[in-house]
Amino acid sequence: MSGKGDARRPIDENEYRDNYDKIFGKKNKRKVKVDEEPFHIRNAKHLIDVKLKWEEKQKNKRDSKEDS
């Protein structure tokens, strides 16, 4: 009679260890360089530059219309 806990299921030990490591093993954390500027700050600076250029173009357009 095979009841709960009588006998272990036959398993492939190597496959079990590999799968265990995949699930519970050490995670590969991405290292962030300290001297690099974070993405959100670079993105904000870029957006500010784009807005300033756009405002300058709008100002130039208004000035050229007023001169005409």
PDB file of N, CA and C in Angstrom:
ATOM      1  N   MET A   1       0.820  -1.170   0.000  1.00  0.00           N
ATOM      2  CA  MET A   1       0.000   0.000   0.000  1.00  0.00           C
ATOM      3  C   MET A   1       0.874   1.248   0.000  1.00  0.00           C
ATOM      4  N   SER A   2       0.601   2.138  -0.948  1.00  0.00           N
ATOM      5  CA  SER A   2       1.325   3.397  -1.000  1.00  0.00           C
ATOM      6  C   SER A   2       0.416   4.513  -0.544  1.00  0.00           C
ATOM      7  N   GLY A   3       0.690   5.003   0.619  1.00  0.00           N
ATOM      8  CA  GLY A   3      -0.079   6.118   1.128  1.00  0.00           C
ATOM      9  C   GLY A   3       0.804   7.356   1.149  1.00  0.00           C
ATOM     10  N   LYS A   4       0.316   8.395   1.773  1.00  0.00           N
ATOM     11  CA  LYS A   4       1.101   9.624   1.862  1.00  0.00           C
ATOM     12  C   LYS A   4       2.410   9.355   2.595  1.00  0.00           C
ATOM     13  N   GLY A   5       3.494   9.761   1.990  1.00  0.00           N
ATOM     14  CA  GLY A   5       4.779   9.692   2.652  1.00  0.00           C
ATOM     15  C   GLY A   5       5.431   8.333   2.645  1.00  0.00           C
ATOM     16  N   ASP A   6       4.833   7.339   1.984  1.00  0.00           N
ATOM     17  CA  ASP A   6       5.445   6.005   1.975  1.00  0.00           C
ATOM     18  C   ASP A   6       6.723   5.986   1.150  1.00  0.00           C
ATOM     19  N   ALA A   7       6.668   6.483  -0.076  1.00  0.00           N
ATOM     20  CA  ALA A   7       7.853   6.420  -0.942  1.00  0.00           C
ATOM     21  C   ALA A   7       7.944   7.698  -1.764  1.00  0.00           C
ATOM     22  N   ARG A   8       9.163   8.093  -2.066  1.00  0.00           N
ATOM     23  CA  ARG A   8       9.365   9.278  -2.892  1.00  0.00           C
ATOM     24  C   ARG A   8       9.128   8.940  -4.352  1.00  0.00           C
ATOM     25  N   ARG A   9       8.703   9.924  -5.079  1.00  0.00           N
ATOM     26  CA  ARG A   9       8.551   9.744  -6.521  1.00  0.00           C
ATOM     27  C   ARG A   9       9.931   9.670  -7.154  1.00  0.00           C
ATOM     28  N   PRO A  10      10.048   8.898  -8.201  1.00  0.00           N
ATOM     29  CA  PRO A  10      11.344   8.882  -8.888  1.00  0.00           C
ATOM     30  C   PRO A  10      11.532  10.199  -9.649  1.00  0.00           C
ATOM     31  N   ILE A  11      12.668  10.868  -9.410  1.00  0.00           N
ATOM     32  CA  ILE A  11      12.950  12.136 -10.074  1.00  0.00           C
ATOM     33  C   ILE A  11      14.381  12.140 -10.574  1.00  0.00           C
ATOM     34  N   ASP A  12      14.632  13.018 -11.506  1.00  0.00           N
ATOM     35  CA  ASP A  12      15.987  13.217 -12.002  1.00  0.00           C
ATOM     36  C   ASP A  12      16.629  14.295 -11.115  1.00  0.00           C
ATOM     37  N   GLU A  13      17.602  13.918 -10.308  1.00  0.00           N
ATOM     38  CA  GLU A  13      18.200  14.831  -9.326  1.00  0.00           C
ATOM     39  C   GLU A  13      18.834  16.060  -9.978  1.00  0.00           C
ATOM     40  N   ASN A  14      19.502  15.887 -11.109  1.00  0.00           N
ATOM     41  CA  ASN A  14      20.149  17.027 -11.776  1.00  0.00           C
ATOM     42  C   ASN A  14      19.125  18.032 -12.275  1.00  0.00           C
ATOM     43  N   GLU A  15      18.062  17.533 -12.874  1.00  0.00           N
ATOM     44  CA  GLU A  15      17.011  18.422 -13.362  1.00  0.00           C
ATOM     45  C   GLU A  15      16.335  19.143 -12.195  1.00  0.00           C
ATOM     46  N   TYR A  16      16.132  18.428 -11.095  1.00  0.00           N
ATOM     47  CA  TYR A  16      15.529  19.027  -9.903  1.00  0.00           C
ATOM     48  C   TYR A  16      16.398  20.166  -9.381  1.00  0.00           C
ATOM     49  N   ARG A  17      17.702  19.941  -9.289  1.00  0.00           N
ATOM     50  CA  ARG A  17      18.616  20.987  -8.805  1.00  0.00           C
ATOM     51  C   ARG A  17      18.646  22.184  -9.738  1.00  0.00           C
ATOM     52  N   ASP A  18      18.677  21.919 -11.050  1.00  0.00           N
ATOM     53  CA  ASP A  18      18.685  23.022 -12.012  1.00  0.00           C
ATOM     54  C   ASP A  18      17.421  23.868 -11.885  1.00  0.00           C
ATOM     55  N   ASN A  19      16.288  23.221 -11.809  1.00  0.00           N
ATOM     56  CA  ASN A  19      15.027  23.950 -11.687  1.00  0.00           C
ATOM     57  C   ASN A  19      14.949  24.696 -10.364  1.00  0.00           C
ATOM     58  N   TYR A  20      15.450  24.079  -9.295  1.00  0.00           N
ATOM     59  CA  TYR A  20      15.445  24.738  -7.994  1.00  0.00           C
ATOM     60  C   TYR A  20      16.288  26.014  -8.051  1.00  0.00           C
ATOM     61  N   ASP A  21      17.450  25.929  -8.680  1.00  0.00           N
ATOM     62  CA  ASP A  21      18.313  27.105  -8.809  1.00  0.00           C
ATOM     63  C   ASP A  21      17.670  28.182  -9.674  1.00  0.00           C
ATOM     64  N   LYS A  22      16.967  27.768 -10.719  1.00  0.00           N
ATOM     65  CA  LYS A  22      16.291  28.755 -11.568  1.00  0.00           C
ATOM     66  C   LYS A  22      15.235  29.519 -10.788  1.00  0.00           C
ATOM     67  N   ILE A  23      14.531  28.829  -9.907  1.00  0.00           N
ATOM     68  CA  ILE A  23      13.441  29.457  -9.166  1.00  0.00           C
ATOM     69  C   ILE A  23      13.947  30.196  -7.931  1.00  0.00           C
ATOM     70  N   PHE A  24      14.770  29.548  -7.132  1.00  0.00           N
ATOM     71  CA  PHE A  24      15.152  30.103  -5.834  1.00  0.00           C
ATOM     72  C   PHE A  24      16.604  30.540  -5.748  1.00  0.00           C
ATOM     73  N   GLY A  25      17.347  30.397  -6.832  1.00  0.00           N
ATOM     74  CA  GLY A  25      18.769  30.737  -6.803  1.00  0.00           C
ATOM     75  C   GLY A  25      19.007  32.227  -6.704  1.00  0.00           C
ATOM     76  N   LYS A  26      20.275  32.589  -6.700  1.00  0.00           N
ATOM     77  CA  LYS A  26      20.621  34.001  -6.623  1.00  0.00           C
ATOM     78  C   LYS A  26      20.146  34.725  -7.871  1.00  0.00           C
ATOM     79  N   LYS A  27      19.646  35.906  -7.673  1.00  0.00           N
ATOM     80  CA  LYS A  27      19.175  36.711  -8.794  1.00  0.00           C
ATOM     81  C   LYS A  27      20.344  37.538  -9.325  1.00  0.00           C
ATOM     82  N   ASN A  28      20.412  37.685 -10.622  1.00  0.00           N
ATOM     83  CA  ASN A  28      21.437  38.526 -11.223  1.00  0.00           C
ATOM     84  C   ASN A  28      20.930  39.952 -11.216  1.00  0.00           C
ATOM     85  N   LYS A  29      21.478  40.737 -10.314  1.00  0.00           N
ATOM     86  CA  LYS A  29      21.055  42.123 -10.219  1.00  0.00           C
ATOM     87  C   LYS A  29      21.881  42.964 -11.174  1.00  0.00           C
ATOM     88  N   ARG A  30      21.220  43.869 -11.851  1.00  0.00           N
ATOM     89  CA  ARG A  30      21.906  44.765 -12.767  1.00  0.00           C
ATOM     90  C   ARG A  30      22.616  45.837 -11.954  1.00  0.00           C
ATOM     91  N   LYS A  31      23.899  45.966 -12.181  1.00  0.00           N
ATOM     92  CA  LYS A  31      24.658  46.962 -11.446  1.00  0.00           C
ATOM     93  C   LYS A  31      24.523  48.309 -12.129  1.00  0.00           C
ATOM     94  N   VAL A  32      24.246  49.318 -11.336  1.00  0.00           N
ATOM     95  CA  VAL A  32      24.079  50.662 -11.856  1.00  0.00           C
ATOM     96  C   VAL A  32      25.354  51.429 -11.574  1.00  0.00           C
ATOM     97  N   LYS A  33      25.845  52.111 -12.590  1.00  0.00           N
ATOM     98  CA  LYS A  33      27.041  52.915 -12.396  1.00  0.00           C
ATOM     99  C   LYS A  33      26.658  54.168 -11.622  1.00  0.00           C
ATOM    100  N   VAL A  34      27.439  54.480 -10.620  1.00  0.00           N
ATOM    101  CA  VAL A  34      27.124  55.597  -9.745  1.00  0.00           C
ATOM    102  C   VAL A  34      27.317  56.928 -10.467  1.00  0.00           C
ATOM    103  N   ASP A  35      28.295  57.000 -11.352  1.00  0.00           N
ATOM    104  CA  ASP A  35      28.575  58.270 -12.012  1.00  0.00           C
ATOM    105  C   ASP A  35      27.613  58.568 -13.161  1.00  0.00           C
ATOM    106  N   GLU A  36      26.773  57.600 -13.549  1.00  0.00           N
ATOM    107  CA  GLU A  36      25.810  57.842 -14.619  1.00  0.00           C
ATOM    108  C   GLU A  36      24.606  58.610 -14.081  1.00  0.00           C
ATOM    109  N   GLU A  37      24.075  59.483 -14.921  1.00  0.00           N
ATOM    110  CA  GLU A  37      22.891  60.237 -14.555  1.00  0.00           C
ATOM    111  C   GLU A  37      21.660  59.352 -14.764  1.00  0.00           C
ATOM    112  N   PRO A  38      20.731  59.325 -13.822  1.00  0.00           N
ATOM    113  CA  PRO A  38      19.536  58.483 -13.983  1.00  0.00           C
ATOM    114  C   PRO A  38      18.730  58.877 -15.226  1.00  0.00           C
ATOM    115  N   PHE A  39      18.012  57.889 -15.762  1.00  0.00           N
ATOM    116  CA  PHE A  39      17.268  58.099 -16.999  1.00  0.00           C
ATOM    117  C   PHE A  39      16.248  59.213 -16.856  1.00  0.00           C
ATOM    118  N   HIS A  40      15.513  59.262 -15.753  1.00  0.00           N
ATOM    119  CA  HIS A  40      14.442  60.250 -15.634  1.00  0.00           C
ATOM    120  C   HIS A  40      14.991  61.675 -15.620  1.00  0.00           C
ATOM    121  N   ILE A  41      16.191  61.850 -15.117  1.00  0.00           N
ATOM    122  CA  ILE A  41      16.782  63.190 -15.115  1.00  0.00           C
ATOM    123  C   ILE A  41      17.247  63.557 -16.527  1.00  0.00           C
ATOM    124  N   ARG A  42      17.883  62.594 -17.217  1.00  0.00           N
ATOM    125  CA  ARG A  42      18.294  62.857 -18.610  1.00  0.00           C
ATOM    126  C   ARG A  42      17.077  63.162 -19.472  1.00  0.00           C
ATOM    127  N   ASN A  43      16.001  62.417 -19.275  1.00  0.00           N
ATOM    128  CA  ASN A  43      14.788  62.608 -20.051  1.00  0.00           C
ATOM    129  C   ASN A  43      14.180  63.983 -19.777  1.00  0.00           C
ATOM    130  N   ALA A  44      14.154  64.380 -18.512  1.00  0.00           N
ATOM    131  CA  ALA A  44      13.601  65.692 -18.160  1.00  0.00           C
ATOM    132  C   ALA A  44      14.420  66.815 -18.799  1.00  0.00           C
ATOM    133  N   LYS A  45      15.731  66.694 -18.767  1.00  0.00           N
ATOM    134  CA  LYS A  45      16.583  67.717 -19.383  1.00  0.00           C
ATOM    135  C   LYS A  45      16.323  67.802 -20.887  1.00  0.00           C
ATOM    136  N   HIS A  46      16.169  66.646 -21.516  1.00  0.00           N
ATOM    137  CA  HIS A  46      15.897  66.617 -22.955  1.00  0.00           C
ATOM    138  C   HIS A  46      14.563  67.302 -23.261  1.00  0.00           C
ATOM    139  N   LEU A  47      13.540  67.006 -22.472  1.00  0.00           N
ATOM    140  CA  LEU A  47      12.227  67.607 -22.704  1.00  0.00           C
ATOM    141  C   LEU A  47      12.261  69.121 -22.496  1.00  0.00           C
ATOM    142  N   ILE A  48      13.020  69.578 -21.517  1.00  0.00           N
ATOM    143  CA  ILE A  48      13.154  71.015 -21.290  1.00  0.00           C
ATOM    144  C   ILE A  48      13.838  71.670 -22.476  1.00  0.00           C
ATOM    145  N   ASP A  49      14.895  71.029 -23.005  1.00  0.00           N
ATOM    146  CA  ASP A  49      15.585  71.573 -24.176  1.00  0.00           C
ATOM    147  C   ASP A  49      14.650  71.670 -25.379  1.00  0.00           C
ATOM    148  N   VAL A  50      13.860  70.623 -25.595  1.00  0.00           N
ATOM    149  CA  VAL A  50      12.921  70.618 -26.722  1.00  0.00           C
ATOM    150  C   VAL A  50      11.899  71.737 -26.557  1.00  0.00           C
ATOM    151  N   LYS A  51      11.389  71.906 -25.334  1.00  0.00           N
ATOM    152  CA  LYS A  51      10.400  72.956 -25.099  1.00  0.00           C
ATOM    153  C   LYS A  51      11.008  74.340 -25.317  1.00  0.00           C
ATOM    154  N   LEU A  52      12.228  74.555 -24.853  1.00  0.00           N
ATOM    155  CA  LEU A  52      12.875  75.855 -25.035  1.00  0.00           C
ATOM    156  C   LEU A  52      13.105  76.163 -26.523  1.00  0.00           C
ATOM    157  N   LYS A  53      13.515  75.152 -27.285  1.00  0.00           N
ATOM    158  CA  LYS A  53      13.706  75.345 -28.730  1.00  0.00           C
ATOM    159  C   LYS A  53      12.374  75.671 -29.401  1.00  0.00           C
ATOM    160  N   TRP A  54      11.317  74.967 -29.001  1.00  0.00           N
ATOM    161  CA  TRP A  54       9.997  75.212 -29.580  1.00  0.00           C
ATOM    162  C   TRP A  54       9.535  76.643 -29.260  1.00  0.00           C
ATOM    163  N   GLU A  55       9.737  77.075 -27.997  1.00  0.00           N
ATOM    164  CA  GLU A  55       9.341  78.428 -27.622  1.00  0.00           C
ATOM    165  C   GLU A  55      10.134  79.471 -28.399  1.00  0.00           C
ATOM    166  N   GLU A  56      11.407  79.200 -28.635  1.00  0.00           N
ATOM    167  CA  GLU A  56      12.241  80.127 -29.409  1.00  0.00           C
ATOM    168  C   GLU A  56      11.730  80.236 -30.849  1.00  0.00           C
ATOM    169  N   LYS A  57      11.345  79.101 -31.433  1.00  0.00           N
ATOM    170  CA  LYS A  57      10.788  79.123 -32.791  1.00  0.00           C
ATOM    171  C   LYS A  57       9.492  79.925 -32.835  1.00  0.00           C
ATOM    172  N   GLN A  58       8.634  79.706 -31.832  1.00  0.00           N
ATOM    173  CA  GLN A  58       7.371  80.443 -31.782  1.00  0.00           C
ATOM    174  C   GLN A  58       7.618  81.949 -31.651  1.00  0.00           C
ATOM    175  N   LYS A  59       8.587  82.308 -30.851  1.00  0.00           N
ATOM    176  CA  LYS A  59       8.923  83.715 -30.670  1.00  0.00           C
ATOM    177  C   LYS A  59       9.438  84.309 -31.977  1.00  0.00           C
ATOM    178  N   ASN A  60      10.282  83.569 -32.677  1.00  0.00           N
ATOM    179  CA  ASN A  60      10.813  84.035 -33.965  1.00  0.00           C
ATOM    180  C   ASN A  60       9.691  84.200 -34.999  1.00  0.00           C
ATOM    181  N   LYS A  61       8.726  83.293 -34.998  1.00  0.00           N
ATOM    182  CA  LYS A  61       7.599  83.388 -35.911  1.00  0.00           C
ATOM    183  C   LYS A  61       6.771  84.641 -35.616  1.00  0.00           C
ATOM    184  N   ARG A  62       6.500  84.876 -34.323  1.00  0.00           N
ATOM    185  CA  ARG A  62       5.731  86.066 -33.943  1.00  0.00           C
ATOM    186  C   ARG A  62       6.475  87.341 -34.327  1.00  0.00           C
ATOM    187  N   ASP A  63       7.776  87.377 -34.104  1.00  0.00           N
ATOM    188  CA  ASP A  63       8.574  88.550 -34.437  1.00  0.00           C
ATOM    189  C   ASP A  63       8.585  88.806 -35.942  1.00  0.00           C
ATOM    190  N   SER A  64       8.675  87.734 -36.727  1.00  0.00           N
ATOM    191  CA  SER A  64       8.707  87.905 -38.185  1.00  0.00           C
ATOM    192  C   SER A  64       7.343  88.368 -38.712  1.00  0.00           C
ATOM    193  N   LYS A  65       6.248  87.929 -38.088  1.00  0.00           N
ATOM    194  CA  LYS A  65       4.907  88.365 -38.497  1.00  0.00           C
ATOM    195  C   LYS A  65       4.702  89.851 -38.143  1.00  0.00           C
ATOM    196  N   GLU A  66       5.210  90.262 -36.989  1.00  0.00           N
ATOM    197  CA  GLU A  66       5.064  91.654 -36.579  1.00  0.00           C
ATOM    198  C   GLU A  66       5.888  92.579 -37.471  1.00  0.00           C
ATOM    199  N   ASP A  67       7.022  92.119 -37.953  1.00  0.00           N
ATOM    200  CA  ASP A  67       7.875  92.928 -38.830  1.00  0.00           C
ATOM    201  C   ASP A  67       7.240  93.116 -40.204  1.00  0.00           C
ATOM    202  N   SER A  68       6.459  92.158 -40.626  1.00  0.00           N
ATOM    203  CA  SER A  68       5.876  92.186 -41.962  1.00  0.00           C
ATOM    204  C   SER A  68       4.747  93.180 -42.092  1.00  0.00           C
TER     205      SER A  68
END
